[in-house]
Protein backbone atom coordinates (compact mmCIF):
# COMPACT_ATOMS: atom_id res chain seq x y z
CA MET A 1 134.04 -42.95 -176.80
CA LYS A 2 134.69 -45.85 -178.96
CA THR A 3 131.75 -45.15 -181.88
CA THR A 4 133.56 -46.72 -185.21
CA ALA A 5 134.99 -49.88 -186.06
CA ALA A 6 138.52 -48.46 -186.38
CA ASP A 7 137.81 -47.91 -182.32
CA ILE A 8 137.52 -51.17 -181.78
CA MET A 9 139.51 -53.11 -184.71
CA THR A 10 142.39 -55.25 -184.02
CA THR A 11 145.00 -54.52 -185.70
CA GLN A 12 147.87 -57.72 -185.26
CA PHE A 13 146.44 -60.39 -186.73
CA THR A 14 147.44 -63.18 -188.60
CA THR A 15 147.13 -63.66 -192.04
CA LEU A 16 147.41 -66.50 -194.52
CA PHE A 17 147.44 -66.64 -198.54
CA PRO A 18 145.40 -68.59 -200.48
CA GLU A 19 149.29 -71.01 -201.70
CA THR A 20 149.45 -71.87 -197.28
CA PRO A 21 148.80 -75.88 -197.04
CA VAL A 22 145.84 -75.69 -194.45
CA PRO A 23 148.26 -78.34 -192.14
CA GLU A 24 150.32 -75.24 -191.63
CA ALA A 25 147.05 -73.07 -191.55
CA ILE A 26 146.30 -75.49 -188.72
CA ARG A 27 149.51 -74.86 -186.74
CA LEU A 28 149.11 -70.94 -187.20
CA PHE A 29 145.60 -71.40 -185.70
CA ARG A 30 147.48 -73.15 -182.26
CA GLU A 31 150.02 -70.42 -182.72
CA ALA A 32 147.73 -67.39 -182.34
CA PHE A 33 146.47 -68.76 -179.38
CA GLU A 34 149.62 -68.87 -177.86
CA GLN A 35 150.92 -65.55 -179.05
CA GLU A 36 147.41 -63.78 -178.05
CA GLY A 37 146.16 -65.20 -175.72
CA ARG A 38 142.80 -65.58 -177.70
CA ARG A 39 141.21 -68.60 -179.97
CA LEU A 40 141.24 -67.88 -183.19
CA PHE A 41 137.83 -69.61 -185.02
CA GLY A 42 139.19 -67.48 -188.63
CA MET A 43 141.38 -66.00 -190.37
CA ILE A 44 141.89 -63.55 -192.85
CA VAL A 45 143.38 -65.10 -196.50
CA VAL A 46 145.09 -61.86 -198.04
CA ASP A 47 146.79 -61.77 -201.76
CA LYS A 48 150.86 -60.59 -201.43
CA ASP A 49 149.94 -57.27 -202.23
CA ARG A 50 147.57 -57.43 -198.53
CA ARG A 51 143.99 -57.12 -200.38
CA LEU A 52 141.62 -59.29 -198.88
CA THR A 53 140.85 -62.79 -201.38
CA GLY A 54 138.14 -64.82 -198.24
CA MET A 55 138.31 -66.10 -194.78
CA LEU A 56 139.22 -69.34 -193.59
CA SER A 57 137.54 -70.42 -190.76
CA MET A 58 137.31 -73.26 -188.27
CA TYR A 59 134.19 -74.93 -189.82
CA ASP A 60 135.90 -74.48 -193.35
CA ILE A 61 137.95 -77.24 -192.14
CA LEU A 62 135.92 -79.64 -189.91
CA LEU A 63 133.53 -79.03 -193.65
CA TYR A 64 136.26 -80.39 -195.49
CA LEU A 65 136.71 -83.02 -192.83
CA GLN A 66 133.55 -84.37 -192.96
CA PRO A 67 132.84 -87.41 -195.04
CA LYS A 68 130.66 -86.39 -198.09
CA HIS A 69 127.79 -89.09 -196.94
CA ILE A 70 127.38 -88.39 -193.28
CA HIS A 71 123.90 -88.60 -194.02
CA VAL A 72 123.59 -92.01 -194.87
CA TRP A 73 125.45 -93.86 -192.36
CA GLY A 74 123.11 -94.11 -189.71
CA ALA A 75 123.68 -94.18 -185.91
CA MET A 76 127.35 -94.73 -187.01
CA GLU A 77 127.55 -97.24 -183.65
CA ASP A 78 129.70 -99.45 -185.85
CA LEU A 79 131.76 -96.63 -187.29
CA GLU A 80 135.45 -96.96 -186.63
CA ILE A 81 135.96 -93.76 -186.33
CA ALA A 82 140.26 -93.64 -185.72
CA GLY A 83 140.27 -94.98 -189.84
CA VAL A 84 137.58 -92.39 -190.63
CA ILE A 85 139.73 -88.96 -189.35
CA ASN A 86 143.25 -90.57 -190.15
CA THR A 87 141.86 -90.80 -193.89
CA ALA A 88 140.54 -87.42 -193.10
CA GLY A 89 143.48 -85.88 -191.81
CA ASN A 90 145.47 -87.58 -194.91
CA ARG A 91 143.31 -85.68 -197.78
CA LEU A 92 144.07 -82.53 -195.90
CA LYS A 93 147.71 -82.47 -196.36
CA SER A 94 147.55 -82.05 -199.90
CA ILE A 95 145.02 -78.96 -199.26
CA LEU A 96 145.56 -75.57 -199.88
CA VAL A 97 144.19 -72.37 -197.79
CA GLY A 98 142.43 -71.42 -200.97
CA ASP A 99 140.63 -74.84 -202.44
CA ILE A 100 138.31 -74.56 -198.95
CA MET A 101 138.44 -71.20 -197.88
CA THR A 102 135.02 -68.58 -197.92
CA PRO A 103 135.54 -66.27 -200.57
CA GLY A 104 133.37 -63.17 -201.16
CA VAL A 105 133.22 -61.84 -197.29
CA VAL A 106 131.55 -59.46 -196.23
CA THR A 107 133.54 -56.23 -194.92
CA VAL A 108 133.05 -52.64 -193.32
CA GLY A 109 135.16 -49.93 -193.49
CA PRO A 110 137.16 -48.57 -190.65
CA ASN A 111 134.64 -44.86 -190.52
CA ALA A 112 131.04 -47.73 -190.18
CA ASN A 113 129.67 -46.89 -186.63
CA LEU A 114 129.20 -49.40 -184.10
CA MET A 115 125.81 -49.77 -184.79
CA MET A 116 126.65 -50.71 -188.22
CA VAL A 117 129.39 -53.00 -187.62
CA LEU A 118 126.32 -55.15 -184.95
CA ASN A 119 124.02 -54.68 -187.67
CA VAL A 120 126.14 -56.73 -190.39
CA MET A 121 127.53 -58.92 -187.66
CA ILE A 122 124.06 -60.12 -187.16
CA LYS A 123 122.41 -60.24 -190.35
CA LYS A 124 125.23 -61.63 -192.16
CA HIS A 125 125.66 -64.39 -189.17
CA VAL A 126 129.44 -63.89 -188.52
CA ARG A 127 131.85 -63.46 -186.07
CA ARG A 128 134.76 -61.62 -187.50
CA LEU A 129 134.52 -58.73 -189.63
CA PRO A 130 137.84 -57.71 -191.57
CA VAL A 131 137.58 -53.48 -192.26
CA VAL A 132 139.17 -52.58 -195.29
CA GLU A 133 140.77 -49.15 -196.76
CA ASP A 134 141.33 -49.06 -200.51
CA HIS A 135 140.53 -52.52 -200.87
CA LYS A 136 143.36 -53.65 -198.18
CA ILE A 137 142.99 -54.99 -195.04
CA VAL A 138 143.94 -52.33 -191.90
CA GLY A 139 142.49 -54.62 -188.94
CA ILE A 140 139.20 -56.63 -188.27
CA VAL A 141 136.79 -57.08 -185.64
CA TYR A 142 135.90 -59.40 -182.98
CA ILE A 143 132.44 -60.13 -182.50
CA SER A 144 133.81 -60.49 -178.89
CA ASP A 145 134.94 -57.18 -178.64
CA LEU A 146 132.18 -55.71 -180.00
CA PHE A 147 129.39 -57.44 -177.42
CA ASN A 148 132.82 -56.15 -174.48
CA ASN A 149 132.01 -52.65 -175.70
CA LEU A 150 128.77 -52.39 -175.78
CA LEU A 151 128.33 -53.88 -172.46
CA GLU A 152 130.76 -51.49 -171.26
CA ARG A 153 128.10 -48.74 -172.43
CA ILE A 154 125.40 -50.26 -170.69
CA SER A 155 127.03 -51.26 -167.33
CA ASP A 156 128.25 -47.48 -166.89
């Protein structure tokens, strides 16, 4: 019976480096979907020793793309959206993953029980939870995998 983070974590995952250009990260998001058959909404960022330094999520990228003063634009009915998107896309070309990633990521150890993993994911509002052992990333728990595991248990 699966009872720990190690039991349900995924050990095959794409990682990024802080020095990776964001357009390359976006390409890897697409590529990971094609290879893994799973839509990725975030990736782990590691240093050269595979120590966790942060996470880059779709949200981080979208937050960067969002115009800073959008709240004063009103209904934006007369906004030329293509120009805004092109400008944001051009700005993104010179940005590195480390510039926009979320540092200080919440983690669990491989022996964390599933109820602790569930508690952390709910309280911290995270969908991906890196599993770290001896300061190195060994896996990742996706909320969908946790959800499916728990559903299997209650439906038996």
